[in-house]
């Protein structure tokens, strides 16, 4: 029976020789994940769908 491995998704850092490092030093606000590599056509479809969407975070008062 084959064993499946479950890997955690790491965003904003690199792994080199088993050690994590090179941490991204700024905020990451939009992330998308896909099962497998996207074709050029799929990437273009995503980009055209997102064209013109606002990217600024609204001014939301802090809870408290």
PDB file of N, CA and C in Angstrom:
ATOM      1  N   UNK A   1       0.845  -1.179   0.000  1.00  0.00           N
ATOM      2  CA  UNK A   1       0.000   0.000   0.000  1.00  0.00           C
ATOM      3  C   UNK A   1       0.892   1.244   0.000  1.00  0.00           C
ATOM      4  N   UNK A   2       0.632   2.148  -0.909  1.00  0.00           N
ATOM      5  CA  UNK A   2       1.424   3.389  -0.994  1.00  0.00           C
ATOM      6  C   UNK A   2       1.006   4.346   0.111  1.00  0.00           C
ATOM      7  N   UNK A   3       1.997   4.996   0.663  1.00  0.00           N
ATOM      8  CA  UNK A   3       1.719   6.004   1.695  1.00  0.00           C
ATOM      9  C   UNK A   3       1.571   7.362   1.033  1.00  0.00           C
ATOM     10  N   UNK A   4       0.572   8.103   1.455  1.00  0.00           N
ATOM     11  CA  UNK A   4       0.426   9.462   0.930  1.00  0.00           C
ATOM     12  C   UNK A   4       1.107  10.421   1.896  1.00  0.00           C
ATOM     13  N   UNK A   5       1.687  11.449   1.337  1.00  0.00           N
ATOM     14  CA  UNK A   5       2.331  12.475   2.160  1.00  0.00           C
ATOM     15  C   UNK A   5       1.500  13.737   2.089  1.00  0.00           C
ATOM     16  N   UNK A   6       1.329  14.371   3.214  1.00  0.00           N
ATOM     17  CA  UNK A   6       0.593  15.621   3.285  1.00  0.00           C
ATOM     18  C   UNK A   6       1.583  16.721   3.617  1.00  0.00           C
ATOM     19  N   UNK A   7       1.648  17.718   2.764  1.00  0.00           N
ATOM     20  CA  UNK A   7       2.572  18.830   2.953  1.00  0.00           C
ATOM     21  C   UNK A   7       1.772  20.073   3.300  1.00  0.00           C
ATOM     22  N   UNK A   8       2.291  20.878   4.194  1.00  0.00           N
ATOM     23  CA  UNK A   8       1.629  22.134   4.495  1.00  0.00           C
ATOM     24  C   UNK A   8       2.017  23.159   3.438  1.00  0.00           C
ATOM     25  N   UNK A   9       1.112  24.053   3.147  1.00  0.00           N
ATOM     26  CA  UNK A   9       1.357  25.107   2.170  1.00  0.00           C
ATOM     27  C   UNK A   9       2.128  26.230   2.861  1.00  0.00           C
ATOM     28  N   UNK A  10       3.276  26.540   2.344  1.00  0.00           N
ATOM     29  CA  UNK A  10       4.119  27.595   2.902  1.00  0.00           C
ATOM     30  C   UNK A  10       4.096  28.778   1.940  1.00  0.00           C
ATOM     31  N   UNK A  11       3.653  29.922   2.402  1.00  0.00           N
ATOM     32  CA  UNK A  11       3.591  31.121   1.562  1.00  0.00           C
ATOM     33  C   UNK A  11       4.492  32.178   2.168  1.00  0.00           C
ATOM     34  N   UNK A  12       5.341  32.731   1.327  1.00  0.00           N
ATOM     35  CA  UNK A  12       6.176  33.832   1.787  1.00  0.00           C
ATOM     36  C   UNK A  12       7.522  33.427   2.349  1.00  0.00           C
ATOM     37  N   UNK A  13       7.965  32.228   2.035  1.00  0.00           N
ATOM     38  CA  UNK A  13       9.306  31.823   2.442  1.00  0.00           C
ATOM     39  C   UNK A  13       9.786  30.680   1.560  1.00  0.00           C
ATOM     40  N   UNK A  14      11.064  30.446   1.603  1.00  0.00           N
ATOM     41  CA  UNK A  14      11.671  29.417   0.775  1.00  0.00           C
ATOM     42  C   UNK A  14      12.201  28.288   1.645  1.00  0.00           C
ATOM     43  N   UNK A  15      12.410  27.139   1.043  1.00  0.00           N
ATOM     44  CA  UNK A  15      13.000  26.007   1.743  1.00  0.00           C
ATOM     45  C   UNK A  15      14.225  25.558   0.959  1.00  0.00           C
ATOM     46  N   UNK A  16      15.351  25.511   1.631  1.00  0.00           N
ATOM     47  CA  UNK A  16      16.604  25.137   1.000  1.00  0.00           C
ATOM     48  C   UNK A  16      17.312  24.120   1.882  1.00  0.00           C
ATOM     49  N   UNK A  17      17.557  22.951   1.349  1.00  0.00           N
ATOM     50  CA  UNK A  17      18.226  21.865   2.089  1.00  0.00           C
ATOM     51  C   UNK A  17      17.525  21.539   3.407  1.00  0.00           C
ATOM     52  N   UNK A  18      16.197  21.524   3.361  1.00  0.00           N
ATOM     53  CA  UNK A  18      15.421  21.141   4.533  1.00  0.00           C
ATOM     54  C   UNK A  18      15.190  22.235   5.558  1.00  0.00           C
ATOM     55  N   UNK A  19      15.687  23.441   5.299  1.00  0.00           N
ATOM     56  CA  UNK A  19      15.549  24.539   6.253  1.00  0.00           C
ATOM     57  C   UNK A  19      14.757  25.677   5.621  1.00  0.00           C
ATOM     58  N   UNK A  20      13.774  26.195   6.348  1.00  0.00           N
ATOM     59  CA  UNK A  20      13.001  27.323   5.858  1.00  0.00           C
ATOM     60  C   UNK A  20      13.750  28.616   6.127  1.00  0.00           C
ATOM     61  N   UNK A  21      13.646  29.543   5.199  1.00  0.00           N
ATOM     62  CA  UNK A  21      14.288  30.847   5.348  1.00  0.00           C
ATOM     63  C   UNK A  21      13.784  31.794   4.283  1.00  0.00           C
ATOM     64  N   UNK A  22      14.518  32.871   4.060  1.00  0.00           N
ATOM     65  CA  UNK A  22      14.151  33.882   3.062  1.00  0.00           C
ATOM     66  C   UNK A  22      12.702  34.310   3.222  1.00  0.00           C
ATOM     67  N   UNK A  23      12.330  34.726   4.422  1.00  0.00           N
ATOM     68  CA  UNK A  23      10.957  35.131   4.706  1.00  0.00           C
ATOM     69  C   UNK A  23      10.590  36.394   3.943  1.00  0.00           C
ATOM     70  N   UNK A  24       9.376  36.418   3.417  1.00  0.00           N
ATOM     71  CA  UNK A  24       8.848  37.592   2.731  1.00  0.00           C
ATOM     72  C   UNK A  24       8.635  38.662   3.787  1.00  0.00           C
ATOM     73  N   UNK A  25       9.174  39.838   3.590  1.00  0.00           N
ATOM     74  CA  UNK A  25       9.182  40.855   4.656  1.00  0.00           C
ATOM     75  C   UNK A  25       8.019  41.832   4.599  1.00  0.00           C
ATOM     76  N   UNK A  26       7.077  41.647   3.689  1.00  0.00           N
ATOM     77  CA  UNK A  26       5.921  42.539   3.606  1.00  0.00           C
ATOM     78  C   UNK A  26       4.640  41.718   3.635  1.00  0.00           C
ATOM     79  N   UNK A  27       3.500  42.385   3.681  1.00  0.00           N
ATOM     80  CA  UNK A  27       2.214  41.697   3.748  1.00  0.00           C
ATOM     81  C   UNK A  27       1.873  41.036   2.419  1.00  0.00           C
ATOM     82  N   UNK A  28       1.191  39.920   2.512  1.00  0.00           N
ATOM     83  CA  UNK A  28       0.663  39.221   1.339  1.00  0.00           C
ATOM     84  C   UNK A  28      -0.851  39.304   1.455  1.00  0.00           C
ATOM     85  N   UNK A  29      -1.507  39.890   0.450  1.00  0.00           N
ATOM     86  CA  UNK A  29      -2.944  40.106   0.595  1.00  0.00           C
ATOM     87  C   UNK A  29      -3.827  39.233  -0.294  1.00  0.00           C
ATOM     88  N   UNK A  30      -3.321  38.736  -1.373  1.00  0.00           N
ATOM     89  CA  UNK A  30      -4.122  37.885  -2.252  1.00  0.00           C
ATOM     90  C   UNK A  30      -3.337  36.626  -2.591  1.00  0.00           C
ATOM     91  N   UNK A  31      -3.965  35.478  -2.370  1.00  0.00           N
ATOM     92  CA  UNK A  31      -3.306  34.202  -2.646  1.00  0.00           C
ATOM     93  C   UNK A  31      -4.301  33.288  -3.342  1.00  0.00           C
ATOM     94  N   UNK A  32      -3.830  32.595  -4.342  1.00  0.00           N
ATOM     95  CA  UNK A  32      -4.651  31.579  -5.001  1.00  0.00           C
ATOM     96  C   UNK A  32      -3.835  30.314  -5.141  1.00  0.00           C
ATOM     97  N   UNK A  33      -4.464  29.181  -4.987  1.00  0.00           N
ATOM     98  CA  UNK A  33      -3.770  27.911  -5.165  1.00  0.00           C
ATOM     99  C   UNK A  33      -4.509  27.084  -6.201  1.00  0.00           C
ATOM    100  N   UNK A  34      -3.774  26.288  -6.928  1.00  0.00           N
ATOM    101  CA  UNK A  34      -4.335  25.472  -7.984  1.00  0.00           C
ATOM    102  C   UNK A  34      -3.704  24.091  -7.921  1.00  0.00           C
ATOM    103  N   UNK A  35      -4.456  23.112  -8.327  1.00  0.00           N
ATOM    104  CA  UNK A  35      -3.939  21.752  -8.354  1.00  0.00           C
ATOM    105  C   UNK A  35      -3.244  21.547  -9.689  1.00  0.00           C
ATOM    106  N   UNK A  36      -1.940  21.656  -9.698  1.00  0.00           N
ATOM    107  CA  UNK A  36      -1.164  21.534 -10.920  1.00  0.00           C
ATOM    108  C   UNK A  36      -0.822  22.885 -11.513  1.00  0.00           C
ATOM    109  N   UNK A  37       0.007  22.862 -12.525  1.00  0.00           N
ATOM    110  CA  UNK A  37       0.428  24.090 -13.196  1.00  0.00           C
ATOM    111  C   UNK A  37      -0.669  24.560 -14.150  1.00  0.00           C
ATOM    112  N   UNK A  38      -0.845  25.874 -14.234  1.00  0.00           N
ATOM    113  CA  UNK A  38      -1.824  26.442 -15.150  1.00  0.00           C
ATOM    114  C   UNK A  38      -1.204  26.653 -16.523  1.00  0.00           C
ATOM    115  N   UNK A  39      -2.027  26.525 -17.545  1.00  0.00           N
ATOM    116  CA  UNK A  39      -1.564  26.818 -18.900  1.00  0.00           C
ATOM    117  C   UNK A  39      -1.536  28.336 -19.094  1.00  0.00           C
ATOM    118  N   UNK A  40      -0.895  28.775 -20.143  1.00  0.00           N
ATOM    119  CA  UNK A  40      -0.854  30.204 -20.461  1.00  0.00           C
ATOM    120  C   UNK A  40      -2.278  30.734 -20.660  1.00  0.00           C
ATOM    121  N   UNK A  41      -3.125  29.955 -21.321  1.00  0.00           N
ATOM    122  CA  UNK A  41      -4.513  30.375 -21.551  1.00  0.00           C
ATOM    123  C   UNK A  41      -5.276  30.520 -20.238  1.00  0.00           C
ATOM    124  N   UNK A  42      -5.093  29.595 -19.311  1.00  0.00           N
ATOM    125  CA  UNK A  42      -5.764  29.679 -18.018  1.00  0.00           C
ATOM    126  C   UNK A  42      -5.304  30.915 -17.243  1.00  0.00           C
ATOM    127  N   UNK A  43      -4.029  31.197 -17.269  1.00  0.00           N
ATOM    128  CA  UNK A  43      -3.501  32.384 -16.587  1.00  0.00           C
ATOM    129  C   UNK A  43      -4.096  33.644 -17.198  1.00  0.00           C
ATOM    130  N   UNK A  44      -4.144  33.716 -18.524  1.00  0.00           N
ATOM    131  CA  UNK A  44      -4.725  34.887 -19.185  1.00  0.00           C
ATOM    132  C   UNK A  44      -6.198  35.065 -18.842  1.00  0.00           C
ATOM    133  N   UNK A  45      -6.938  33.968 -18.738  1.00  0.00           N
ATOM    134  CA  UNK A  45      -8.351  34.049 -18.354  1.00  0.00           C
ATOM    135  C   UNK A  45      -8.500  34.608 -16.941  1.00  0.00           C
ATOM    136  N   UNK A  46      -7.660  34.154 -16.028  1.00  0.00           N
ATOM    137  CA  UNK A  46      -7.714  34.670 -14.657  1.00  0.00           C
ATOM    138  C   UNK A  46      -7.376  36.155 -14.613  1.00  0.00           C
ATOM    139  N   UNK A  47      -6.324  36.540 -15.316  1.00  0.00           N
ATOM    140  CA  UNK A  47      -5.913  37.942 -15.308  1.00  0.00           C
ATOM    141  C   UNK A  47      -6.971  38.844 -15.914  1.00  0.00           C
ATOM    142  N   UNK A  48      -7.608  38.423 -16.995  1.00  0.00           N
ATOM    143  CA  UNK A  48      -8.629  39.264 -17.614  1.00  0.00           C
ATOM    144  C   UNK A  48      -9.868  39.363 -16.722  1.00  0.00           C
ATOM    145  N   UNK A  49     -10.176  38.329 -15.959  1.00  0.00           N
ATOM    146  CA  UNK A  49     -11.319  38.374 -15.045  1.00  0.00           C
ATOM    147  C   UNK A  49     -11.064  39.327 -13.886  1.00  0.00           C
ATOM    148  N   UNK A  50      -9.801  39.483 -13.487  1.00  0.00           N
ATOM    149  CA  UNK A  50      -9.457  40.333 -12.351  1.00  0.00           C
ATOM    150  C   UNK A  50      -9.169  41.773 -12.743  1.00  0.00           C
ATOM    151  N   UNK A  51      -9.078  42.053 -14.034  1.00  0.00           N
ATOM    152  CA  UNK A  51      -8.746  43.403 -14.493  1.00  0.00           C
ATOM    153  C   UNK A  51      -9.794  44.389 -13.994  1.00  0.00           C
ATOM    154  N   UNK A  52      -9.338  45.462 -13.406  1.00  0.00           N
ATOM    155  CA  UNK A  52     -10.234  46.516 -12.946  1.00  0.00           C
ATOM    156  C   UNK A  52     -10.800  46.323 -11.549  1.00  0.00           C
ATOM    157  N   UNK A  53     -10.537  45.182 -10.927  1.00  0.00           N
ATOM    158  CA  UNK A  53     -11.034  44.989  -9.562  1.00  0.00           C
ATOM    159  C   UNK A  53     -10.230  45.847  -8.590  1.00  0.00           C
ATOM    160  N   UNK A  54     -10.880  46.438  -7.593  1.00  0.00           N
ATOM    161  CA  UNK A  54     -10.134  47.244  -6.613  1.00  0.00           C
ATOM    162  C   UNK A  54      -9.197  46.362  -5.800  1.00  0.00           C
ATOM    163  N   UNK A  55      -8.025  46.881  -5.503  1.00  0.00           N
ATOM    164  CA  UNK A  55      -7.052  46.117  -4.717  1.00  0.00           C
ATOM    165  C   UNK A  55      -6.764  46.760  -3.363  1.00  0.00           C
ATOM    166  N   UNK A  56      -7.379  47.894  -3.099  1.00  0.00           N
ATOM    167  CA  UNK A  56      -7.140  48.558  -1.820  1.00  0.00           C
ATOM    168  C   UNK A  56      -8.023  47.947  -0.739  1.00  0.00           C
ATOM    169  N   UNK A  57      -7.484  47.862   0.454  1.00  0.00           N
ATOM    170  CA  UNK A  57      -8.230  47.346   1.600  1.00  0.00           C
ATOM    171  C   UNK A  57      -9.076  48.496   2.149  1.00  0.00           C
ATOM    172  N   UNK A  58     -10.375  48.286   2.358  1.00  0.00           N
ATOM    173  CA  UNK A  58     -11.213  49.370   2.885  1.00  0.00           C
ATOM    174  C   UNK A  58     -10.791  49.733   4.300  1.00  0.00           C
ATOM    175  N   UNK A  59     -11.090  50.955   4.688  1.00  0.00           N
ATOM    176  CA  UNK A  59     -10.776  51.426   6.042  1.00  0.00           C
ATOM    177  C   UNK A  59     -11.773  50.818   7.010  1.00  0.00           C
ATOM    178  N   UNK A  60     -11.351  49.786   7.709  1.00  0.00           N
ATOM    179  CA  UNK A  60     -12.214  49.086   8.652  1.00  0.00           C
ATOM    180  C   UNK A  60     -11.746  49.405  10.055  1.00  0.00           C
ATOM    181  N   UNK A  61     -12.633  49.917  10.923  1.00  0.00           N
ATOM    182  CA  UNK A  61     -12.198  50.196  12.294  1.00  0.00           C
ATOM    183  C   UNK A  61     -11.815  48.917  13.033  1.00  0.00           C
ATOM    184  N   UNK A  62     -10.819  49.029  13.878  1.00  0.00           N
ATOM    185  CA  UNK A  62     -10.366  47.867  14.641  1.00  0.00           C
ATOM    186  C   UNK A  62     -11.412  47.475  15.683  1.00  0.00           C
ATOM    187  N   UNK A  63     -11.547  46.183  15.918  1.00  0.00           N
ATOM    188  CA  UNK A  63     -12.466  45.698  16.936  1.00  0.00           C
ATOM    189  C   UNK A  63     -11.931  46.017  18.318  1.00  0.00           C
ATOM    190  N   UNK A  64     -12.798  46.252  19.241  1.00  0.00           N
ATOM    191  CA  UNK A  64     -12.286  46.498  20.589  1.00  0.00           C
ATOM    192  C   UNK A  64     -13.183  47.288  21.344  1.00  0.00           C
TER     193      UNK A  64
END
